[in-house]
Amino acid sequence: MASTTNFSVRMDSNIKKQCEKLYGELGMNLTTAINVFLRQSLRVGGFPFEVKLEYPNKETIAAMLEAERIAHNPSVKHYSDTEEALRELKQ
């Protein structure tokens, strides 16, 4: 049998509760889930998933700026709800 050790982790209590629920539904406790994560990290030689900062690409930034411009342009027709917009599209 492998020797074991204890370690302590500080985390947001809401995150802990959500994870305990999630992993409980998967049939394991948080300790087992953390061990799975650590073993998988060793297997792949790093994080077992991609870790990166998400920045919008140039096309997305351009679309966001265009949407902002349209939203503040008083000459562009605005709709109070989706139904109103769909009614006009059907005409």
PDB file of N, CA and C in Angstrom:
ATOM      1  N   MET A   1       0.831  -1.173   0.000  1.00  0.00           N
ATOM      2  CA  MET A   1       0.000   0.000   0.000  1.00  0.00           C
ATOM      3  C   MET A   1       0.883   1.246   0.000  1.00  0.00           C
ATOM      4  N   ALA A   2       0.533   2.218  -0.836  1.00  0.00           N
ATOM      5  CA  ALA A   2       1.300   3.457  -0.918  1.00  0.00           C
ATOM      6  C   ALA A   2       1.090   4.289   0.337  1.00  0.00           C
ATOM      7  N   SER A   3       2.140   4.981   0.739  1.00  0.00           N
ATOM      8  CA  SER A   3       1.980   5.856   1.901  1.00  0.00           C
ATOM      9  C   SER A   3       1.206   7.098   1.479  1.00  0.00           C
ATOM     10  N   THR A   4       0.473   7.675   2.398  1.00  0.00           N
ATOM     11  CA  THR A   4      -0.326   8.864   2.099  1.00  0.00           C
ATOM     12  C   THR A   4       0.117  10.009   2.991  1.00  0.00           C
ATOM     13  N   THR A   5      -0.272  11.199   2.595  1.00  0.00           N
ATOM     14  CA  THR A   5       0.011  12.393   3.377  1.00  0.00           C
ATOM     15  C   THR A   5      -1.188  13.326   3.280  1.00  0.00           C
ATOM     16  N   ASN A   6      -1.276  14.243   4.175  1.00  0.00           N
ATOM     17  CA  ASN A   6      -2.348  15.234   4.150  1.00  0.00           C
ATOM     18  C   ASN A   6      -1.799  16.569   3.677  1.00  0.00           C
ATOM     19  N   PHE A   7      -2.633  17.334   2.999  1.00  0.00           N
ATOM     20  CA  PHE A   7      -2.276  18.713   2.705  1.00  0.00           C
ATOM     21  C   PHE A   7      -3.545  19.549   2.773  1.00  0.00           C
ATOM     22  N   SER A   8      -3.368  20.828   3.012  1.00  0.00           N
ATOM     23  CA  SER A   8      -4.492  21.730   3.208  1.00  0.00           C
ATOM     24  C   SER A   8      -4.567  22.698   2.040  1.00  0.00           C
ATOM     25  N   VAL A   9      -5.783  22.981   1.592  1.00  0.00           N
ATOM     26  CA  VAL A   9      -5.988  23.889   0.466  1.00  0.00           C
ATOM     27  C   VAL A   9      -7.021  24.929   0.866  1.00  0.00           C
ATOM     28  N   ARG A  10      -6.720  26.193   0.622  1.00  0.00           N
ATOM     29  CA  ARG A  10      -7.700  27.252   0.850  1.00  0.00           C
ATOM     30  C   ARG A  10      -8.454  27.475  -0.449  1.00  0.00           C
ATOM     31  N   MET A  11      -9.792  27.530  -0.328  1.00  0.00           N
ATOM     32  CA  MET A  11     -10.601  27.798  -1.511  1.00  0.00           C
ATOM     33  C   MET A  11     -11.888  28.474  -1.105  1.00  0.00           C
ATOM     34  N   ASP A  12     -12.523  29.087  -2.063  1.00  0.00           N
ATOM     35  CA  ASP A  12     -13.812  29.721  -1.844  1.00  0.00           C
ATOM     36  C   ASP A  12     -14.815  28.657  -1.393  1.00  0.00           C
ATOM     37  N   SER A  13     -15.559  28.929  -0.336  1.00  0.00           N
ATOM     38  CA  SER A  13     -16.469  27.918   0.216  1.00  0.00           C
ATOM     39  C   SER A  13     -17.581  27.558  -0.760  1.00  0.00           C
ATOM     40  N   ASN A  14     -18.017  28.500  -1.580  1.00  0.00           N
ATOM     41  CA  ASN A  14     -19.056  28.185  -2.568  1.00  0.00           C
ATOM     42  C   ASN A  14     -18.526  27.249  -3.652  1.00  0.00           C
ATOM     43  N   ILE A  15     -17.291  27.499  -4.073  1.00  0.00           N
ATOM     44  CA  ILE A  15     -16.663  26.610  -5.066  1.00  0.00           C
ATOM     45  C   ILE A  15     -16.548  25.207  -4.488  1.00  0.00           C
ATOM     46  N   LYS A  16     -16.131  25.105  -3.235  1.00  0.00           N
ATOM     47  CA  LYS A  16     -15.993  23.790  -2.587  1.00  0.00           C
ATOM     48  C   LYS A  16     -17.328  23.059  -2.561  1.00  0.00           C
ATOM     49  N   LYS A  17     -18.384  23.747  -2.155  1.00  0.00           N
ATOM     50  CA  LYS A  17     -19.710  23.120  -2.095  1.00  0.00           C
ATOM     51  C   LYS A  17     -20.170  22.659  -3.470  1.00  0.00           C
ATOM     52  N   GLN A  18     -19.970  23.511  -4.478  1.00  0.00           N
ATOM     53  CA  GLN A  18     -20.376  23.145  -5.840  1.00  0.00           C
ATOM     54  C   GLN A  18     -19.596  21.933  -6.346  1.00  0.00           C
ATOM     55  N   CYS A  19     -18.300  21.911  -6.059  1.00  0.00           N
ATOM     56  CA  CYS A  19     -17.465  20.781  -6.496  1.00  0.00           C
ATOM     57  C   CYS A  19     -17.826  19.503  -5.752  1.00  0.00           C
ATOM     58  N   GLU A  20     -18.091  19.613  -4.455  1.00  0.00           N
ATOM     59  CA  GLU A  20     -18.501  18.427  -3.695  1.00  0.00           C
ATOM     60  C   GLU A  20     -19.790  17.848  -4.286  1.00  0.00           C
ATOM     61  N   LYS A  21     -20.710  18.715  -4.664  1.00  0.00           N
ATOM     62  CA  LYS A  21     -21.966  18.250  -5.274  1.00  0.00           C
ATOM     63  C   LYS A  21     -21.693  17.590  -6.631  1.00  0.00           C
ATOM     64  N   LEU A  22     -20.911  18.276  -7.452  1.00  0.00           N
ATOM     65  CA  LEU A  22     -20.588  17.753  -8.784  1.00  0.00           C
ATOM     66  C   LEU A  22     -19.907  16.389  -8.696  1.00  0.00           C
ATOM     67  N   TYR A  23     -18.845  16.311  -7.911  1.00  0.00           N
ATOM     68  CA  TYR A  23     -18.105  15.056  -7.832  1.00  0.00           C
ATOM     69  C   TYR A  23     -18.896  13.979  -7.105  1.00  0.00           C
ATOM     70  N   GLY A  24     -19.764  14.383  -6.187  1.00  0.00           N
ATOM     71  CA  GLY A  24     -20.666  13.428  -5.549  1.00  0.00           C
ATOM     72  C   GLY A  24     -21.577  12.770  -6.566  1.00  0.00           C
ATOM     73  N   GLU A  25     -22.064  13.577  -7.522  1.00  0.00           N
ATOM     74  CA  GLU A  25     -22.907  13.027  -8.592  1.00  0.00           C
ATOM     75  C   GLU A  25     -22.126  12.075  -9.486  1.00  0.00           C
ATOM     76  N   LEU A  26     -20.812  12.252  -9.522  1.00  0.00           N
ATOM     77  CA  LEU A  26     -19.944  11.362 -10.305  1.00  0.00           C
ATOM     78  C   LEU A  26     -19.463  10.175  -9.479  1.00  0.00           C
ATOM     79  N   GLY A  27     -19.919  10.114  -8.221  1.00  0.00           N
ATOM     80  CA  GLY A  27     -19.596   8.966  -7.384  1.00  0.00           C
ATOM     81  C   GLY A  27     -18.275   9.054  -6.649  1.00  0.00           C
ATOM     82  N   MET A  28     -17.772  10.276  -6.451  1.00  0.00           N
ATOM     83  CA  MET A  28     -16.506  10.410  -5.721  1.00  0.00           C
ATOM     84  C   MET A  28     -16.556  11.626  -4.827  1.00  0.00           C
ATOM     85  N   ASN A  29     -15.658  11.664  -3.864  1.00  0.00           N
ATOM     86  CA  ASN A  29     -15.571  12.840  -3.003  1.00  0.00           C
ATOM     87  C   ASN A  29     -14.503  13.783  -3.552  1.00  0.00           C
ATOM     88  N   LEU A  30     -14.360  14.928  -2.907  1.00  0.00           N
ATOM     89  CA  LEU A  30     -13.419  15.939  -3.378  1.00  0.00           C
ATOM     90  C   LEU A  30     -11.970  15.448  -3.306  1.00  0.00           C
ATOM     91  N   THR A  31     -11.628  14.676  -2.293  1.00  0.00           N
ATOM     92  CA  THR A  31     -10.275  14.127  -2.175  1.00  0.00           C
ATOM     93  C   THR A  31      -9.948  13.242  -3.379  1.00  0.00           C
ATOM     94  N   THR A  32     -10.878  12.378  -3.745  1.00  0.00           N
ATOM     95  CA  THR A  32     -10.650  11.502  -4.903  1.00  0.00           C
ATOM     96  C   THR A  32     -10.517  12.322  -6.180  1.00  0.00           C
ATOM     97  N   ALA A  33     -11.368  13.335  -6.333  1.00  0.00           N
ATOM     98  CA  ALA A  33     -11.308  14.187  -7.523  1.00  0.00           C
ATOM     99  C   ALA A  33      -9.959  14.894  -7.625  1.00  0.00           C
ATOM    100  N   ILE A  34      -9.463  15.399  -6.495  1.00  0.00           N
ATOM    101  CA  ILE A  34      -8.162  16.062  -6.502  1.00  0.00           C
ATOM    102  C   ILE A  34      -7.059  15.069  -6.849  1.00  0.00           C
ATOM    103  N   ASN A  35      -7.138  13.856  -6.325  1.00  0.00           N
ATOM    104  CA  ASN A  35      -6.152  12.829  -6.672  1.00  0.00           C
ATOM    105  C   ASN A  35      -6.199  12.490  -8.161  1.00  0.00           C
ATOM    106  N   VAL A  36      -7.392  12.427  -8.735  1.00  0.00           N
ATOM    107  CA  VAL A  36      -7.519  12.179 -10.180  1.00  0.00           C
ATOM    108  C   VAL A  36      -6.821  13.305 -10.944  1.00  0.00           C
ATOM    109  N   PHE A  37      -7.099  14.546 -10.542  1.00  0.00           N
ATOM    110  CA  PHE A  37      -6.465  15.697 -11.193  1.00  0.00           C
ATOM    111  C   PHE A  37      -4.945  15.606 -11.113  1.00  0.00           C
ATOM    112  N   LEU A  38      -4.419  15.323  -9.919  1.00  0.00           N
ATOM    113  CA  LEU A  38      -2.969  15.268  -9.744  1.00  0.00           C
ATOM    114  C   LEU A  38      -2.337  14.126 -10.543  1.00  0.00           C
ATOM    115  N   ARG A  39      -2.971  12.963 -10.538  1.00  0.00           N
ATOM    116  CA  ARG A  39      -2.440  11.830 -11.313  1.00  0.00           C
ATOM    117  C   ARG A  39      -2.455  12.133 -12.814  1.00  0.00           C
ATOM    118  N   GLN A  40      -3.528  12.753 -13.266  1.00  0.00           N
ATOM    119  CA  GLN A  40      -3.611  13.120 -14.687  1.00  0.00           C
ATOM    120  C   GLN A  40      -2.548  14.167 -15.021  1.00  0.00           C
ATOM    121  N   SER A  41      -2.285  15.087 -14.097  1.00  0.00           N
ATOM    122  CA  SER A  41      -1.226  16.085 -14.305  1.00  0.00           C
ATOM    123  C   SER A  41       0.118  15.411 -14.497  1.00  0.00           C
ATOM    124  N   LEU A  42       0.406  14.395 -13.670  1.00  0.00           N
ATOM    125  CA  LEU A  42       1.659  13.650 -13.807  1.00  0.00           C
ATOM    126  C   LEU A  42       1.711  12.901 -15.132  1.00  0.00           C
ATOM    127  N   ARG A  43       0.579  12.335 -15.532  1.00  0.00           N
ATOM    128  CA  ARG A  43       0.536  11.559 -16.776  1.00  0.00           C
ATOM    129  C   ARG A  43       0.846  12.426 -17.993  1.00  0.00           C
ATOM    130  N   VAL A  44       0.298  13.665 -18.012  1.00  0.00           N
ATOM    131  CA  VAL A  44       0.480  14.518 -19.190  1.00  0.00           C
ATOM    132  C   VAL A  44       1.641  15.494 -19.041  1.00  0.00           C
ATOM    133  N   GLY A  45       2.230  15.567 -17.845  1.00  0.00           N
ATOM    134  CA  GLY A  45       3.369  16.449 -17.645  1.00  0.00           C
ATOM    135  C   GLY A  45       2.983  17.913 -17.473  1.00  0.00           C
ATOM    136  N   GLY A  46       1.841  18.170 -16.912  1.00  0.00           N
ATOM    137  CA  GLY A  46       1.382  19.552 -16.705  1.00  0.00           C
ATOM    138  C   GLY A  46      -0.099  19.552 -16.392  1.00  0.00           C
ATOM    139  N   PHE A  47      -0.717  20.697 -16.591  1.00  0.00           N
ATOM    140  CA  PHE A  47      -2.161  20.743 -16.392  1.00  0.00           C
ATOM    141  C   PHE A  47      -2.838  19.788 -17.361  1.00  0.00           C
ATOM    142  N   PRO A  48      -3.849  19.074 -16.895  1.00  0.00           N
ATOM    143  CA  PRO A  48      -4.532  18.132 -17.795  1.00  0.00           C
ATOM    144  C   PRO A  48      -5.595  18.808 -18.662  1.00  0.00           C
ATOM    145  N   PHE A  49      -5.456  20.105 -18.838  1.00  0.00           N
ATOM    146  CA  PHE A  49      -6.344  20.887 -19.698  1.00  0.00           C
ATOM    147  C   PHE A  49      -5.586  22.150 -20.072  1.00  0.00           C
ATOM    148  N   GLU A  50      -6.091  22.845 -21.093  1.00  0.00           N
ATOM    149  CA  GLU A  50      -5.420  24.052 -21.568  1.00  0.00           C
ATOM    150  C   GLU A  50      -5.658  25.199 -20.587  1.00  0.00           C
ATOM    151  N   VAL A  51      -4.590  25.901 -20.233  1.00  0.00           N
ATOM    152  CA  VAL A  51      -4.685  27.060 -19.349  1.00  0.00           C
ATOM    153  C   VAL A  51      -4.142  28.246 -20.126  1.00  0.00           C
ATOM    154  N   LYS A  52      -5.008  29.223 -20.377  1.00  0.00           N
ATOM    155  CA  LYS A  52      -4.566  30.400 -21.121  1.00  0.00           C
ATOM    156  C   LYS A  52      -5.514  31.557 -20.851  1.00  0.00           C
ATOM    157  N   LEU A  53      -5.025  32.740 -21.132  1.00  0.00           N
ATOM    158  CA  LEU A  53      -5.869  33.920 -21.058  1.00  0.00           C
ATOM    159  C   LEU A  53      -6.686  33.991 -22.335  1.00  0.00           C
ATOM    160  N   GLU A  54      -7.952  34.311 -22.197  1.00  0.00           N
ATOM    161  CA  GLU A  54      -8.820  34.406 -23.362  1.00  0.00           C
ATOM    162  C   GLU A  54      -8.952  35.868 -23.782  1.00  0.00           C
ATOM    163  N   TYR A  55      -8.455  36.184 -24.937  1.00  0.00           N
ATOM    164  CA  TYR A  55      -8.609  37.514 -25.502  1.00  0.00           C
ATOM    165  C   TYR A  55      -9.444  37.389 -26.765  1.00  0.00           C
ATOM    166  N   PRO A  56     -10.362  38.322 -26.992  1.00  0.00           N
ATOM    167  CA  PRO A  56     -11.113  38.246 -28.246  1.00  0.00           C
ATOM    168  C   PRO A  56     -10.182  38.513 -29.433  1.00  0.00           C
ATOM    169  N   ASN A  57     -10.459  37.835 -30.542  1.00  0.00           N
ATOM    170  CA  ASN A  57      -9.649  38.068 -31.736  1.00  0.00           C
ATOM    171  C   ASN A  57     -10.087  39.370 -32.417  1.00  0.00           C
ATOM    172  N   LYS A  58      -9.364  39.779 -33.452  1.00  0.00           N
ATOM    173  CA  LYS A  58      -9.633  41.057 -34.123  1.00  0.00           C
ATOM    174  C   LYS A  58     -11.050  41.118 -34.673  1.00  0.00           C
ATOM    175  N   GLU A  59     -11.530  40.018 -35.240  1.00  0.00           N
ATOM    176  CA  GLU A  59     -12.885  39.980 -35.812  1.00  0.00           C
ATOM    177  C   GLU A  59     -13.938  40.181 -34.722  1.00  0.00           C
ATOM    178  N   THR A  60     -13.739  39.547 -33.578  1.00  0.00           N
ATOM    179  CA  THR A  60     -14.691  39.694 -32.472  1.00  0.00           C
ATOM    180  C   THR A  60     -14.666  41.115 -31.919  1.00  0.00           C
ATOM    181  N   ILE A  61     -13.474  41.683 -31.782  1.00  0.00           N
ATOM    182  CA  ILE A  61     -13.360  43.060 -31.301  1.00  0.00           C
ATOM    183  C   ILE A  61     -14.064  44.008 -32.261  1.00  0.00           C
ATOM    184  N   ALA A  62     -13.875  43.809 -33.567  1.00  0.00           N
ATOM    185  CA  ALA A  62     -14.533  44.655 -34.566  1.00  0.00           C
ATOM    186  C   ALA A  62     -16.051  44.534 -34.454  1.00  0.00           C
ATOM    187  N   ALA A  63     -16.551  43.320 -34.271  1.00  0.00           N
ATOM    188  CA  ALA A  63     -17.998  43.111 -34.134  1.00  0.00           C
ATOM    189  C   ALA A  63     -18.533  43.779 -32.872  1.00  0.00           C
ATOM    190  N   MET A  64     -17.771  43.701 -31.793  1.00  0.00           N
ATOM    191  CA  MET A  64     -18.184  44.338 -30.543  1.00  0.00           C
ATOM    192  C   MET A  64     -18.238  45.858 -30.696  1.00  0.00           C
ATOM    193  N   LEU A  65     -17.257  46.436 -31.369  1.00  0.00           N
ATOM    194  CA  LEU A  65     -17.241  47.879 -31.599  1.00  0.00           C
ATOM    195  C   LEU A  65     -18.390  48.300 -32.506  1.00  0.00           C
ATOM    196  N   GLU A  66     -18.671  47.504 -33.525  1.00  0.00           N
ATOM    197  CA  GLU A  66     -19.795  47.808 -34.415  1.00  0.00           C
ATOM    198  C   GLU A  66     -21.117  47.738 -33.658  1.00  0.00           C
ATOM    199  N   ALA A  67     -21.291  46.736 -32.827  1.00  0.00           N
ATOM    200  CA  ALA A  67     -22.516  46.611 -32.034  1.00  0.00           C
ATOM    201  C   ALA A  67     -22.679  47.806 -31.099  1.00  0.00           C
ATOM    202  N   GLU A  68     -21.587  48.237 -30.497  1.00  0.00           N
ATOM    203  CA  GLU A  68     -21.618  49.414 -29.613  1.00  0.00           C
ATOM    204  C   GLU A  68     -22.012  50.665 -30.390  1.00  0.00           C
ATOM    205  N   ARG A  69     -21.436  50.823 -31.591  1.00  0.00           N
ATOM    206  CA  ARG A  69     -21.753  51.977 -32.435  1.00  0.00           C
ATOM    207  C   ARG A  69     -23.227  51.968 -32.815  1.00  0.00           C
ATOM    208  N   ILE A  70     -23.740  50.822 -33.227  1.00  0.00           N
ATOM    209  CA  ILE A  70     -25.148  50.694 -33.628  1.00  0.00           C
ATOM    210  C   ILE A  70     -26.064  50.970 -32.440  1.00  0.00           C
ATOM    211  N   ALA A  71     -25.716  50.454 -31.271  1.00  0.00           N
ATOM    212  CA  ALA A  71     -26.558  50.625 -30.089  1.00  0.00           C
ATOM    213  C   ALA A  71     -26.707  52.090 -29.697  1.00  0.00           C
ATOM    214  N   HIS A  72     -25.692  52.901 -29.991  1.00  0.00           N
ATOM    215  CA  HIS A  72     -25.729  54.312 -29.604  1.00  0.00           C
ATOM    216  C   HIS A  72     -26.077  55.245 -30.762  1.00  0.00           C
ATOM    217  N   ASN A  73     -26.390  54.707 -31.916  1.00  0.00           N
ATOM    218  CA  ASN A  73     -26.718  55.527 -33.080  1.00  0.00           C
ATOM    219  C   ASN A  73     -28.223  55.791 -33.099  1.00  0.00           C
ATOM    220  N   PRO A  74     -28.656  57.046 -32.911  1.00  0.00           N
ATOM    221  CA  PRO A  74     -30.089  57.336 -32.855  1.00  0.00           C
ATOM    222  C   PRO A  74     -30.813  57.121 -34.183  1.00  0.00           C
ATOM    223  N   SER A  75     -30.081  57.071 -35.294  1.00  0.00           N
ATOM    224  CA  SER A  75     -30.740  56.871 -36.585  1.00  0.00           C
ATOM    225  C   SER A  75     -31.028  55.399 -36.886  1.00  0.00           C
ATOM    226  N   VAL A  76     -30.500  54.491 -36.067  1.00  0.00           N
ATOM    227  CA  VAL A  76     -30.740  53.057 -36.256  1.00  0.00           C
ATOM    228  C   VAL A  76     -32.021  52.670 -35.515  1.00  0.00           C
ATOM    229  N   LYS A  77     -32.911  51.942 -36.207  1.00  0.00           N
ATOM    230  CA  LYS A  77     -34.167  51.510 -35.583  1.00  0.00           C
ATOM    231  C   LYS A  77     -33.864  50.555 -34.440  1.00  0.00           C
ATOM    232  N   HIS A  78     -34.485  50.801 -33.292  1.00  0.00           N
ATOM    233  CA  HIS A  78     -34.331  49.945 -32.127  1.00  0.00           C
ATOM    234  C   HIS A  78     -35.661  49.277 -31.826  1.00  0.00           C
ATOM    235  N   TYR A  79     -35.615  48.097 -31.256  1.00  0.00           N
ATOM    236  CA  TYR A  79     -36.811  47.332 -30.920  1.00  0.00           C
ATOM    237  C   TYR A  79     -36.878  47.139 -29.410  1.00  0.00           C
ATOM    238  N   SER A  80     -38.108  47.114 -28.900  1.00  0.00           N
ATOM    239  CA  SER A  80     -38.273  46.959 -27.458  1.00  0.00           C
ATOM    240  C   SER A  80     -38.156  45.501 -27.032  1.00  0.00           C
ATOM    241  N   ASP A  81     -38.401  44.564 -27.964  1.00  0.00           N
ATOM    242  CA  ASP A  81     -38.269  43.149 -27.644  1.00  0.00           C
ATOM    243  C   ASP A  81     -38.101  42.340 -28.924  1.00  0.00           C
ATOM    244  N   THR A  82     -37.811  41.070 -28.772  1.00  0.00           N
ATOM    245  CA  THR A  82     -37.557  40.185 -29.912  1.00  0.00           C
ATOM    246  C   THR A  82     -38.781  40.026 -30.797  1.00  0.00           C
ATOM    247  N   GLU A  83     -39.947  39.936 -30.179  1.00  0.00           N
ATOM    248  CA  GLU A  83     -41.182  39.763 -30.948  1.00  0.00           C
ATOM    249  C   GLU A  83     -41.400  40.923 -31.909  1.00  0.00           C
ATOM    250  N   GLU A  84     -41.155  42.135 -31.445  1.00  0.00           N
ATOM    251  CA  GLU A  84     -41.310  43.322 -32.298  1.00  0.00           C
ATOM    252  C   GLU A  84     -40.360  43.241 -33.492  1.00  0.00           C
ATOM    253  N   ALA A  85     -39.116  42.853 -33.253  1.00  0.00           N
ATOM    254  CA  ALA A  85     -38.139  42.724 -34.333  1.00  0.00           C
ATOM    255  C   ALA A  85     -38.551  41.637 -35.313  1.00  0.00           C
ATOM    256  N   LEU A  86     -39.048  40.513 -34.815  1.00  0.00           N
ATOM    257  CA  LEU A  86     -39.474  39.423 -35.699  1.00  0.00           C
ATOM    258  C   LEU A  86     -40.685  39.822 -36.530  1.00  0.00           C
ATOM    259  N   ARG A  87     -41.630  40.553 -35.939  1.00  0.00           N
ATOM    260  CA  ARG A  87     -42.800  41.026 -36.693  1.00  0.00           C
ATOM    261  C   ARG A  87     -42.355  41.894 -37.869  1.00  0.00           C
ATOM    262  N   GLU A  88     -41.400  42.785 -37.628  1.00  0.00           N
ATOM    263  CA  GLU A  88     -40.941  43.647 -38.699  1.00  0.00           C
ATOM    264  C   GLU A  88     -40.188  42.855 -39.774  1.00  0.00           C
ATOM    265  N   LEU A  89     -39.451  41.834 -39.382  1.00  0.00           N
ATOM    266  CA  LEU A  89     -38.751  41.012 -40.356  1.00  0.00           C
ATOM    267  C   LEU A  89     -39.727  40.265 -41.267  1.00  0.00           C
ATOM    268  N   LYS A  90     -40.887  39.895 -40.749  1.00  0.00           N
ATOM    269  CA  LYS A  90     -41.884  39.138 -41.522  1.00  0.00           C
ATOM    270  C   LYS A  90     -42.647  40.032 -42.510  1.00  0.00           C
ATOM    271  N   GLN A  91     -42.581  41.346 -42.345  1.00  0.00           N
ATOM    272  CA  GLN A  91     -43.312  42.269 -43.239  1.00  0.00           C
ATOM    273  C   GLN A  91     -42.623  42.410 -44.571  1.00  0.00           C
TER     274      GLN A  91
END
